[in-house]
Amino acid sequence: MSITLTVTKDGAVALGPELLEHLGVEPGEALDVDLDPCGKISLSAARPEGSRNDERPRGRIEDTFGMLHHLANGPAPTIEELNDVIADGWAGRR
Protein backbone atom coordinates (compact mmCIF):
# COMPACT_ATOMS: atom_id res chain seq x y z
CA MET A 1 0.00 0.00 0.00
CA SER A 2 1.26 3.48 -0.80
CA ILE A 3 -0.06 6.68 0.78
CA THR A 4 1.01 10.20 -0.14
CA LEU A 5 1.33 12.71 2.70
CA THR A 6 1.70 16.47 2.47
CA VAL A 7 4.32 18.37 4.46
CA THR A 8 3.05 21.67 5.89
CA LYS A 9 5.06 24.89 5.70
CA ASP A 10 6.10 24.21 9.31
CA GLY A 11 7.47 20.79 8.31
CA ALA A 12 4.68 18.80 9.98
CA VAL A 13 3.07 15.67 8.54
CA ALA A 14 -0.28 14.38 9.78
CA LEU A 15 -0.76 10.62 10.02
CA GLY A 16 -4.39 9.70 9.60
CA PRO A 17 -6.29 7.09 11.63
CA GLU A 18 -5.48 4.32 9.12
CA LEU A 19 -1.72 4.86 9.48
CA LEU A 20 -1.89 5.20 13.27
CA GLU A 21 -3.82 1.93 13.48
CA HIS A 22 -1.31 0.21 11.19
CA LEU A 23 1.56 1.38 13.43
CA GLY A 24 -0.36 0.44 16.58
CA VAL A 25 -0.12 3.89 18.15
CA GLU A 26 -2.59 6.39 19.57
CA PRO A 27 -2.43 10.17 19.14
CA GLY A 28 0.23 11.57 21.47
CA GLU A 29 2.36 8.39 21.55
CA ALA A 30 5.94 8.34 20.30
CA LEU A 31 7.29 6.94 17.03
CA ASP A 32 10.78 5.64 16.23
CA VAL A 33 12.20 6.97 12.96
CA ASP A 34 14.96 5.11 11.11
CA LEU A 35 16.79 7.06 8.40
CA ASP A 36 17.87 5.15 5.30
CA PRO A 37 21.03 6.31 3.49
CA CYS A 38 19.02 6.37 0.24
CA GLY A 39 16.69 9.09 1.52
CA LYS A 40 13.88 6.89 2.89
CA ILE A 41 12.53 6.76 6.42
CA SER A 42 10.89 3.97 8.37
CA LEU A 43 8.36 4.63 11.13
CA SER A 44 7.50 2.23 13.94
CA ALA A 45 5.85 2.52 17.32
CA ALA A 46 8.33 3.51 20.03
CA ARG A 47 8.29 0.85 22.73
CA PRO A 48 9.97 1.10 26.13
CA GLU A 49 12.95 -1.23 26.70
CA GLY A 50 11.80 -4.59 27.97
CA SER A 51 8.16 -4.17 26.96
CA ARG A 52 6.35 -7.15 25.50
CA ASN A 53 6.18 -5.50 22.07
CA ASP A 54 9.96 -4.93 22.11
CA GLU A 55 10.31 -8.41 20.53
CA ARG A 56 8.61 -7.21 17.34
CA PRO A 57 10.91 -7.62 14.33
CA ARG A 58 12.40 -4.38 13.06
CA GLY A 59 14.34 -3.47 9.96
CA ARG A 60 14.58 -5.29 6.66
CA ILE A 61 15.65 -8.84 5.98
CA GLU A 62 18.10 -7.49 3.40
CA ASP A 63 20.07 -5.88 6.25
CA THR A 64 21.07 -9.37 7.46
CA PHE A 65 22.50 -10.59 4.15
CA GLY A 66 26.23 -11.20 4.46
CA MET A 67 26.41 -10.34 8.16
CA LEU A 68 28.31 -13.57 8.94
CA HIS A 69 30.58 -13.38 5.89
CA HIS A 70 33.59 -12.45 8.04
CA LEU A 71 33.29 -15.84 9.80
CA ALA A 72 33.60 -17.88 6.60
CA ASN A 73 36.70 -20.03 6.16
CA GLY A 74 36.78 -20.96 2.49
CA PRO A 75 33.91 -22.00 0.26
CA ALA A 76 30.40 -22.64 1.55
CA PRO A 77 29.71 -26.25 2.60
CA THR A 78 27.88 -28.50 0.18
CA ILE A 79 24.41 -29.79 0.95
CA GLU A 80 25.92 -33.21 1.59
CA GLU A 81 28.33 -31.77 4.15
CA LEU A 82 25.48 -29.94 5.85
CA ASN A 83 23.41 -33.14 5.94
CA ASP A 84 26.36 -34.99 7.55
CA VAL A 85 26.69 -32.31 10.23
CA ILE A 86 22.94 -32.47 10.92
CA ALA A 87 22.99 -36.27 11.12
CA ASP A 88 25.97 -36.17 13.50
CA GLY A 89 24.16 -33.65 15.69
CA TRP A 90 21.03 -35.79 15.91
CA ALA A 91 23.15 -38.84 16.67
CA GLY A 92 24.85 -37.01 19.55
CA ARG A 93 28.27 -36.97 17.89
CA ARG A 94 28.54 -33.17 17.96
PDB file of N, CA and C in Angstrom:
ATOM      1  N   MET A   1       0.845  -1.163   0.000  1.00  0.00           N
ATOM      2  CA  MET A   1       0.000   0.000   0.000  1.00  0.00           C
ATOM      3  C   MET A   1       0.894   1.231   0.000  1.00  0.00           C
ATOM      4  N   SER A   2       0.506   2.232  -0.729  1.00  0.00           N
ATOM      5  CA  SER A   2       1.262   3.475  -0.795  1.00  0.00           C
ATOM      6  C   SER A   2       0.317   4.635  -0.497  1.00  0.00           C
ATOM      7  N   ILE A   3       0.737   5.512   0.402  1.00  0.00           N
ATOM      8  CA  ILE A   3      -0.059   6.678   0.778  1.00  0.00           C
ATOM      9  C   ILE A   3       0.818   7.902   0.616  1.00  0.00           C
ATOM     10  N   THR A   4       0.274   8.948   0.020  1.00  0.00           N
ATOM     11  CA  THR A   4       1.008  10.200  -0.144  1.00  0.00           C
ATOM     12  C   THR A   4       0.587  11.168   0.954  1.00  0.00           C
ATOM     13  N   LEU A   5       1.578  11.735   1.643  1.00  0.00           N
ATOM     14  CA  LEU A   5       1.328  12.710   2.696  1.00  0.00           C
ATOM     15  C   LEU A   5       1.856  14.064   2.259  1.00  0.00           C
ATOM     16  N   THR A   6       1.278  15.120   2.798  1.00  0.00           N
ATOM     17  CA  THR A   6       1.704  16.473   2.474  1.00  0.00           C
ATOM     18  C   THR A   6       2.420  17.084   3.669  1.00  0.00           C
ATOM     19  N   VAL A   7       3.560  17.694   3.413  1.00  0.00           N
ATOM     20  CA  VAL A   7       4.322  18.371   4.460  1.00  0.00           C
ATOM     21  C   VAL A   7       3.848  19.820   4.524  1.00  0.00           C
ATOM     22  N   THR A   8       3.492  20.292   5.729  1.00  0.00           N
ATOM     23  CA  THR A   8       3.045  21.672   5.887  1.00  0.00           C
ATOM     24  C   THR A   8       4.233  22.615   5.814  1.00  0.00           C
ATOM     25  N   LYS A   9       3.970  23.907   5.756  1.00  0.00           N
ATOM     26  CA  LYS A   9       5.058  24.889   5.696  1.00  0.00           C
ATOM     27  C   LYS A   9       5.900  24.871   6.960  1.00  0.00           C
ATOM     28  N   ASP A  10       5.358  24.338   8.064  1.00  0.00           N
ATOM     29  CA  ASP A  10       6.102  24.209   9.311  1.00  0.00           C
ATOM     30  C   ASP A  10       6.887  22.900   9.388  1.00  0.00           C
ATOM     31  N   GLY A  11       6.760  22.054   8.348  1.00  0.00           N
ATOM     32  CA  GLY A  11       7.473  20.790   8.312  1.00  0.00           C
ATOM     33  C   GLY A  11       6.728  19.644   8.978  1.00  0.00           C
ATOM     34  N   ALA A  12       5.456  19.843   9.312  1.00  0.00           N
ATOM     35  CA  ALA A  12       4.677  18.800   9.981  1.00  0.00           C
ATOM     36  C   ALA A  12       3.994  17.892   8.954  1.00  0.00           C
ATOM     37  N   VAL A  13       3.799  16.647   9.347  1.00  0.00           N
ATOM     38  CA  VAL A  13       3.073  15.672   8.536  1.00  0.00           C
ATOM     39  C   VAL A  13       2.027  15.033   9.445  1.00  0.00           C
ATOM     40  N   ALA A  14       0.793  14.991   8.996  1.00  0.00           N
ATOM     41  CA  ALA A  14      -0.276  14.375   9.784  1.00  0.00           C
ATOM     42  C   ALA A  14      -0.474  12.928   9.336  1.00  0.00           C
ATOM     43  N   LEU A  15      -0.488  12.024  10.303  1.00  0.00           N
ATOM     44  CA  LEU A  15      -0.758  10.617  10.025  1.00  0.00           C
ATOM     45  C   LEU A  15      -2.223  10.356  10.366  1.00  0.00           C
ATOM     46  N   GLY A  16      -2.976   9.949   9.392  1.00  0.00           N
ATOM     47  CA  GLY A  16      -4.394   9.697   9.600  1.00  0.00           C
ATOM     48  C   GLY A  16      -4.654   8.459  10.443  1.00  0.00           C
ATOM     49  N   PRO A  17      -5.925   8.238  10.790  1.00  0.00           N
ATOM     50  CA  PRO A  17      -6.294   7.090  11.630  1.00  0.00           C
ATOM     51  C   PRO A  17      -5.842   5.745  11.060  1.00  0.00           C
ATOM     52  N   GLU A  18      -5.878   5.587   9.747  1.00  0.00           N
ATOM     53  CA  GLU A  18      -5.478   4.323   9.124  1.00  0.00           C
ATOM     54  C   GLU A  18      -3.992   4.031   9.371  1.00  0.00           C
ATOM     55  N   LEU A  19      -3.149   5.050   9.238  1.00  0.00           N
ATOM     56  CA  LEU A  19      -1.715   4.855   9.477  1.00  0.00           C
ATOM     57  C   LEU A  19      -1.423   4.630  10.958  1.00  0.00           C
ATOM     58  N   LEU A  20      -2.097   5.379  11.827  1.00  0.00           N
ATOM     59  CA  LEU A  20      -1.891   5.198  13.267  1.00  0.00           C
ATOM     60  C   LEU A  20      -2.290   3.781  13.694  1.00  0.00           C
ATOM     61  N   GLU A  21      -3.389   3.292  13.163  1.00  0.00           N
ATOM     62  CA  GLU A  21      -3.823   1.933  13.483  1.00  0.00           C
ATOM     63  C   GLU A  21      -2.811   0.914  12.976  1.00  0.00           C
ATOM     64  N   HIS A  22      -2.301   1.128  11.762  1.00  0.00           N
ATOM     65  CA  HIS A  22      -1.310   0.210  11.190  1.00  0.00           C
ATOM     66  C   HIS A  22      -0.047   0.162  12.053  1.00  0.00           C
ATOM     67  N   LEU A  23       0.368   1.309  12.580  1.00  0.00           N
ATOM     68  CA  LEU A  23       1.559   1.378  13.428  1.00  0.00           C
ATOM     69  C   LEU A  23       1.279   0.908  14.856  1.00  0.00           C
ATOM     70  N   GLY A  24       0.006   0.849  15.225  1.00  0.00           N
ATOM     71  CA  GLY A  24      -0.358   0.443  16.579  1.00  0.00           C
ATOM     72  C   GLY A  24      -0.129   1.525  17.606  1.00  0.00           C
ATOM     73  N   VAL A  25      -0.314   2.777  17.214  1.00  0.00           N
ATOM     74  CA  VAL A  25      -0.125   3.891  18.146  1.00  0.00           C
ATOM     75  C   VAL A  25      -1.394   4.731  18.232  1.00  0.00           C
ATOM     76  N   GLU A  26      -1.494   5.449  19.337  1.00  0.00           N
ATOM     77  CA  GLU A  26      -2.588   6.390  19.571  1.00  0.00           C
ATOM     78  C   GLU A  26      -2.033   7.801  19.446  1.00  0.00           C
ATOM     79  N   PRO A  27      -2.902   8.786  19.170  1.00  0.00           N
ATOM     80  CA  PRO A  27      -2.429  10.173  19.141  1.00  0.00           C
ATOM     81  C   PRO A  27      -1.714  10.526  20.447  1.00  0.00           C
ATOM     82  N   GLY A  28      -0.563  11.178  20.320  1.00  0.00           N
ATOM     83  CA  GLY A  28       0.231  11.573  21.472  1.00  0.00           C
ATOM     84  C   GLY A  28       1.335  10.587  21.832  1.00  0.00           C
ATOM     85  N   GLU A  29       1.307   9.360  21.276  1.00  0.00           N
ATOM     86  CA  GLU A  29       2.363   8.392  21.553  1.00  0.00           C
ATOM     87  C   GLU A  29       3.561   8.642  20.641  1.00  0.00           C
ATOM     88  N   ALA A  30       4.690   8.099  21.026  1.00  0.00           N
ATOM     89  CA  ALA A  30       5.939   8.339  20.302  1.00  0.00           C
ATOM     90  C   ALA A  30       6.141   7.338  19.164  1.00  0.00           C
ATOM     91  N   LEU A  31       6.897   7.777  18.158  1.00  0.00           N
ATOM     92  CA  LEU A  31       7.293   6.942  17.029  1.00  0.00           C
ATOM     93  C   LEU A  31       8.813   6.897  16.961  1.00  0.00           C
ATOM     94  N   ASP A  32       9.360   5.755  16.551  1.00  0.00           N
ATOM     95  CA  ASP A  32      10.781   5.645  16.230  1.00  0.00           C
ATOM     96  C   ASP A  32      10.930   5.887  14.740  1.00  0.00           C
ATOM     97  N   VAL A  33      11.934   6.661  14.358  1.00  0.00           N
ATOM     98  CA  VAL A  33      12.195   6.970  12.957  1.00  0.00           C
ATOM     99  C   VAL A  33      13.589   6.471  12.610  1.00  0.00           C
ATOM    100  N   ASP A  34      13.677   5.595  11.615  1.00  0.00           N
ATOM    101  CA  ASP A  34      14.960   5.115  11.115  1.00  0.00           C
ATOM    102  C   ASP A  34      15.223   5.777   9.771  1.00  0.00           C
ATOM    103  N   LEU A  35      16.408   6.376   9.633  1.00  0.00           N
ATOM    104  CA  LEU A  35      16.791   7.060   8.401  1.00  0.00           C
ATOM    105  C   LEU A  35      17.603   6.122   7.527  1.00  0.00           C
ATOM    106  N   ASP A  36      17.199   5.990   6.279  1.00  0.00           N
ATOM    107  CA  ASP A  36      17.866   5.145   5.303  1.00  0.00           C
ATOM    108  C   ASP A  36      18.862   6.015   4.539  1.00  0.00           C
ATOM    109  N   PRO A  37      20.056   5.505   4.220  1.00  0.00           N
ATOM    110  CA  PRO A  37      21.032   6.312   3.488  1.00  0.00           C
ATOM    111  C   PRO A  37      20.561   6.707   2.089  1.00  0.00           C
ATOM    112  N   CYS A  38      19.525   6.046   1.578  1.00  0.00           N
ATOM    113  CA  CYS A  38      19.016   6.368   0.243  1.00  0.00           C
ATOM    114  C   CYS A  38      17.915   7.414   0.280  1.00  0.00           C
ATOM    115  N   GLY A  39      17.678   8.034   1.426  1.00  0.00           N
ATOM    116  CA  GLY A  39      16.686   9.093   1.524  1.00  0.00           C
ATOM    117  C   GLY A  39      15.299   8.627   1.939  1.00  0.00           C
ATOM    118  N   LYS A  40      15.176   7.393   2.428  1.00  0.00           N
ATOM    119  CA  LYS A  40      13.884   6.887   2.895  1.00  0.00           C
ATOM    120  C   LYS A  40      13.876   6.861   4.416  1.00  0.00           C
ATOM    121  N   ILE A  41      12.670   6.894   4.983  1.00  0.00           N
ATOM    122  CA  ILE A  41      12.529   6.756   6.417  1.00  0.00           C
ATOM    123  C   ILE A  41      11.603   5.588   6.719  1.00  0.00           C
ATOM    124  N   SER A  42      11.751   5.050   7.901  1.00  0.00           N
ATOM    125  CA  SER A  42      10.895   3.966   8.366  1.00  0.00           C
ATOM    126  C   SER A  42      10.343   4.366   9.726  1.00  0.00           C
ATOM    127  N   LEU A  43       9.016   4.283   9.875  1.00  0.00           N
ATOM    128  CA  LEU A  43       8.363   4.628  11.134  1.00  0.00           C
ATOM    129  C   LEU A  43       7.897   3.365  11.822  1.00  0.00           C
ATOM    130  N   SER A  44       8.045   3.327  13.147  1.00  0.00           N
ATOM    131  CA  SER A  44       7.501   2.234  13.942  1.00  0.00           C
ATOM    132  C   SER A  44       7.124   2.802  15.304  1.00  0.00           C
ATOM    133  N   ALA A  45       6.252   2.089  15.987  1.00  0.00           N
ATOM    134  CA  ALA A  45       5.850   2.522  17.318  1.00  0.00           C
ATOM    135  C   ALA A  45       7.045   2.457  18.258  1.00  0.00           C
ATOM    136  N   ALA A  46       7.259   3.506  19.027  1.00  0.00           N
ATOM    137  CA  ALA A  46       8.331   3.507  20.026  1.00  0.00           C
ATOM    138  C   ALA A  46       7.852   2.684  21.209  1.00  0.00           C
ATOM    139  N   ARG A  47       8.635   1.714  21.609  1.00  0.00           N
ATOM    140  CA  ARG A  47       8.286   0.845  22.732  1.00  0.00           C
ATOM    141  C   ARG A  47       9.370   0.955  23.792  1.00  0.00           C
ATOM    142  N   PRO A  48       8.961   1.049  25.059  1.00  0.00           N
ATOM    143  CA  PRO A  48       9.968   1.099  26.133  1.00  0.00           C
ATOM    144  C   PRO A  48      10.802  -0.174  26.150  1.00  0.00           C
ATOM    145  N   GLU A  49      12.070  -0.062  26.576  1.00  0.00           N
ATOM    146  CA  GLU A  49      12.947  -1.233  26.698  1.00  0.00           C
ATOM    147  C   GLU A  49      12.281  -2.260  27.594  1.00  0.00           C
ATOM    148  N   GLY A  50      12.328  -3.510  27.160  1.00  0.00           N
ATOM    149  CA  GLY A  50      11.799  -4.592  27.970  1.00  0.00           C
ATOM    150  C   GLY A  50      10.305  -4.794  27.872  1.00  0.00           C
ATOM    151  N   SER A  51       9.609  -3.973  27.093  1.00  0.00           N
ATOM    152  CA  SER A  51       8.165  -4.172  26.958  1.00  0.00           C
ATOM    153  C   SER A  51       7.890  -5.401  26.113  1.00  0.00           C
ATOM    154  N   ARG A  52       6.699  -5.938  26.230  1.00  0.00           N
ATOM    155  CA  ARG A  52       6.350  -7.148  25.495  1.00  0.00           C
ATOM    156  C   ARG A  52       6.463  -6.941  23.998  1.00  0.00           C
ATOM    157  N   ASN A  53       6.142  -5.765  23.505  1.00  0.00           N
ATOM    158  CA  ASN A  53       6.180  -5.502  22.067  1.00  0.00           C
ATOM    159  C   ASN A  53       7.584  -5.201  21.577  1.00  0.00           C
ATOM    160  N   ASP A  54       8.576  -5.195  22.501  1.00  0.00           N
ATOM    161  CA  ASP A  54       9.955  -4.930  22.112  1.00  0.00           C
ATOM    162  C   ASP A  54      10.515  -6.076  21.268  1.00  0.00           C
ATOM    163  N   GLU A  55       9.851  -7.247  21.280  1.00  0.00           N
ATOM    164  CA  GLU A  55      10.313  -8.406  20.525  1.00  0.00           C
ATOM    165  C   GLU A  55       9.875  -8.348  19.072  1.00  0.00           C
ATOM    166  N   ARG A  56       9.114  -7.350  18.702  1.00  0.00           N
ATOM    167  CA  ARG A  56       8.612  -7.213  17.336  1.00  0.00           C
ATOM    168  C   ARG A  56       9.782  -7.030  16.378  1.00  0.00           C
ATOM    169  N   PRO A  57       9.810  -7.772  15.277  1.00  0.00           N
ATOM    170  CA  PRO A  57      10.911  -7.618  14.325  1.00  0.00           C
ATOM    171  C   PRO A  57      10.992  -6.194  13.787  1.00  0.00           C
ATOM    172  N   ARG A  58      12.195  -5.719  13.623  1.00  0.00           N
ATOM    173  CA  ARG A  58      12.402  -4.377  13.062  1.00  0.00           C
ATOM    174  C   ARG A  58      13.410  -4.471  11.925  1.00  0.00           C
ATOM    175  N   GLY A  59      13.381  -3.506  11.053  1.00  0.00           N
ATOM    176  CA  GLY A  59      14.335  -3.471   9.964  1.00  0.00           C
ATOM    177  C   GLY A  59      13.919  -4.347   8.793  1.00  0.00           C
ATOM    178  N   ARG A  60      14.846  -4.523   7.880  1.00  0.00           N
ATOM    179  CA  ARG A  60      14.577  -5.289   6.660  1.00  0.00           C
ATOM    180  C   ARG A  60      15.428  -6.541   6.649  1.00  0.00           C
ATOM    181  N   ILE A  61      14.900  -7.588   6.069  1.00  0.00           N
ATOM    182  CA  ILE A  61      15.646  -8.842   5.980  1.00  0.00           C
ATOM    183  C   ILE A  61      16.935  -8.645   5.185  1.00  0.00           C
ATOM    184  N   GLU A  62      16.912  -7.739   4.222  1.00  0.00           N
ATOM    185  CA  GLU A  62      18.098  -7.494   3.398  1.00  0.00           C
ATOM    186  C   GLU A  62      19.281  -7.010   4.238  1.00  0.00           C
ATOM    187  N   ASP A  63      18.994  -6.380   5.391  1.00  0.00           N
ATOM    188  CA  ASP A  63      20.067  -5.883   6.245  1.00  0.00           C
ATOM    189  C   ASP A  63      20.879  -7.017   6.863  1.00  0.00           C
ATOM    190  N   THR A  64      20.348  -8.241   6.866  1.00  0.00           N
ATOM    191  CA  THR A  64      21.066  -9.375   7.455  1.00  0.00           C
ATOM    192  C   THR A  64      21.942 -10.113   6.449  1.00  0.00           C
ATOM    193  N   PHE A  65      21.742  -9.865   5.167  1.00  0.00           N
ATOM    194  CA  PHE A  65      22.505 -10.586   4.151  1.00  0.00           C
ATOM    195  C   PHE A  65      23.996 -10.298   4.309  1.00  0.00           C
ATOM    196  N   GLY A  66      24.780 -11.348   4.390  1.00  0.00           N
ATOM    197  CA  GLY A  66      26.227 -11.204   4.457  1.00  0.00           C
ATOM    198  C   GLY A  66      26.772 -10.850   5.827  1.00  0.00           C
ATOM    199  N   MET A  67      25.929 -10.793   6.854  1.00  0.00           N
ATOM    200  CA  MET A  67      26.414 -10.344   8.158  1.00  0.00           C
ATOM    201  C   MET A  67      27.381 -11.332   8.821  1.00  0.00           C
ATOM    202  N   LEU A  68      27.387 -12.580   8.382  1.00  0.00           N
ATOM    203  CA  LEU A  68      28.314 -13.568   8.937  1.00  0.00           C
ATOM    204  C   LEU A  68      29.467 -13.893   7.981  1.00  0.00           C
ATOM    205  N   HIS A  69      29.562 -13.139   6.912  1.00  0.00           N
ATOM    206  CA  HIS A  69      30.581 -13.383   5.891  1.00  0.00           C
ATOM    207  C   HIS A  69      31.998 -13.387   6.477  1.00  0.00           C
ATOM    208  N   HIS A  70      32.241 -12.533   7.453  1.00  0.00           N
ATOM    209  CA  HIS A  70      33.586 -12.452   8.045  1.00  0.00           C
ATOM    210  C   HIS A  70      33.973 -13.723   8.807  1.00  0.00           C
ATOM    211  N   LEU A  71      33.006 -14.595   9.093  1.00  0.00           N
ATOM    212  CA  LEU A  71      33.293 -15.837   9.796  1.00  0.00           C
ATOM    213  C   LEU A  71      33.597 -16.997   8.853  1.00  0.00           C
ATOM    214  N   ALA A  72      33.418 -16.797   7.572  1.00  0.00           N
ATOM    215  CA  ALA A  72      33.596 -17.878   6.600  1.00  0.00           C
ATOM    216  C   ALA A  72      35.077 -18.227   6.449  1.00  0.00           C
ATOM    217  N   ASN A  73      35.338 -19.533   6.403  1.00  0.00           N
ATOM    218  CA  ASN A  73      36.699 -20.033   6.161  1.00  0.00           C
ATOM    219  C   ASN A  73      36.663 -20.855   4.884  1.00  0.00           C
ATOM    220  N   GLY A  74      36.809 -20.229   3.760  1.00  0.00           N
ATOM    221  CA  GLY A  74      36.780 -20.956   2.494  1.00  0.00           C
ATOM    222  C   GLY A  74      35.387 -21.000   1.897  1.00  0.00           C
ATOM    223  N   PRO A  75      35.191 -21.934   0.967  1.00  0.00           N
ATOM    224  CA  PRO A  75      33.911 -22.000   0.263  1.00  0.00           C
ATOM    225  C   PRO A  75      32.785 -22.499   1.174  1.00  0.00           C
ATOM    226  N   ALA A  76      31.571 -22.187   0.796  1.00  0.00           N
ATOM    227  CA  ALA A  76      30.401 -22.644   1.552  1.00  0.00           C
ATOM    228  C   ALA A  76      30.322 -24.167   1.519  1.00  0.00           C
ATOM    229  N   PRO A  77      29.826 -24.791   2.594  1.00  0.00           N
ATOM    230  CA  PRO A  77      29.707 -26.254   2.598  1.00  0.00           C
ATOM    231  C   PRO A  77      28.660 -26.718   1.592  1.00  0.00           C
ATOM    232  N   THR A  78      28.859 -27.923   1.110  1.00  0.00           N
ATOM    233  CA  THR A  78      27.882 -28.501   0.184  1.00  0.00           C
ATOM    234  C   THR A  78      26.680 -28.985   0.982  1.00  0.00           C
ATOM    235  N   ILE A  79      25.595 -29.273   0.287  1.00  0.00           N
ATOM    236  CA  ILE A  79      24.412 -29.794   0.955  1.00  0.00           C
ATOM    237  C   ILE A  79      24.695 -31.132   1.617  1.00  0.00           C
ATOM    238  N   GLU A  80      25.547 -31.929   1.005  1.00  0.00           N
ATOM    239  CA  GLU A  80      25.917 -33.214   1.586  1.00  0.00           C
ATOM    240  C   GLU A  80      26.670 -33.009   2.906  1.00  0.00           C
ATOM    241  N   GLU A  81      27.596 -32.060   2.919  1.00  0.00           N
ATOM    242  CA  GLU A  81      28.334 -31.771   4.149  1.00  0.00           C
ATOM    243  C   GLU A  81      27.396 -31.270   5.247  1.00  0.00           C
ATOM    244  N   LEU A  82      26.461 -30.422   4.882  1.00  0.00           N
ATOM    245  CA  LEU A  82      25.484 -29.937   5.855  1.00  0.00           C
ATOM    246  C   LEU A  82      24.632 -31.081   6.395  1.00  0.00           C
ATOM    247  N   ASN A  83      24.205 -31.984   5.510  1.00  0.00           N
ATOM    248  CA  ASN A  83      23.414 -33.136   5.944  1.00  0.00           C
ATOM    249  C   ASN A  83      24.207 -34.016   6.911  1.00  0.00           C
ATOM    250  N   ASP A  84      25.513 -34.191   6.651  1.00  0.00           N
ATOM    251  CA  ASP A  84      26.358 -34.986   7.551  1.00  0.00           C
ATOM    252  C   ASP A  84      26.447 -34.337   8.931  1.00  0.00           C
ATOM    253  N   VAL A  85      26.615 -33.028   8.959  1.00  0.00           N
ATOM    254  CA  VAL A  85      26.691 -32.307  10.235  1.00  0.00           C
ATOM    255  C   VAL A  85      25.371 -32.444  10.990  1.00  0.00           C
ATOM    256  N   ILE A  86      24.252 -32.323  10.295  1.00  0.00           N
ATOM    257  CA  ILE A  86      22.937 -32.466  10.922  1.00  0.00           C
ATOM    258  C   ILE A  86      22.752 -33.877  11.469  1.00  0.00           C
ATOM    259  N   ALA A  87      23.123 -34.873  10.674  1.00  0.00           N
ATOM    260  CA  ALA A  87      22.994 -36.269  11.119  1.00  0.00           C
ATOM    261  C   ALA A  87      23.867 -36.522  12.344  1.00  0.00           C
ATOM    262  N   ASP A  88      25.090 -35.994  12.352  1.00  0.00           N
ATOM    263  CA  ASP A  88      25.968 -36.166  13.504  1.00  0.00           C
ATOM    264  C   ASP A  88      25.374 -35.511  14.741  1.00  0.00           C
ATOM    265  N   GLY A  89      24.784 -34.345  14.567  1.00  0.00           N
ATOM    266  CA  GLY A  89      24.164 -33.647  15.689  1.00  0.00           C
ATOM    267  C   GLY A  89      23.015 -34.437  16.283  1.00  0.00           C
ATOM    268  N   TRP A  90      22.160 -34.977  15.436  1.00  0.00           N
ATOM    269  CA  TRP A  90      21.028 -35.789  15.915  1.00  0.00           C
ATOM    270  C   TRP A  90      21.512 -37.074  16.568  1.00  0.00           C
ATOM    271  N   ALA A  91      22.620 -37.597  16.112  1.00  0.00           N
ATOM    272  CA  ALA A  91      23.151 -38.843  16.674  1.00  0.00           C
ATOM    273  C   ALA A  91      23.963 -38.588  17.941  1.00  0.00           C
ATOM    274  N   GLY A  92      24.110 -37.339  18.329  1.00  0.00           N
ATOM    275  CA  GLY A  92      24.853 -37.006  19.551  1.00  0.00           C
ATOM    276  C   GLY A  92      26.352 -37.003  19.376  1.00  0.00           C
ATOM    277  N   ARG A  93      26.825 -36.959  18.146  1.00  0.00           N
ATOM    278  CA  ARG A  93      28.271 -36.966  17.887  1.00  0.00           C
ATOM    279  C   ARG A  93      28.854 -35.565  17.802  1.00  0.00           C
ATOM    280  N   ARG A  94      28.059 -34.562  17.973  1.00  0.00           N
ATOM    281  CA  ARG A  94      28.544 -33.166  17.957  1.00  0.00           C
ATOM    282  C   ARG A  94      27.950 -32.419  19.113  1.00  0.00           C
TER     283      ARG A  94
END
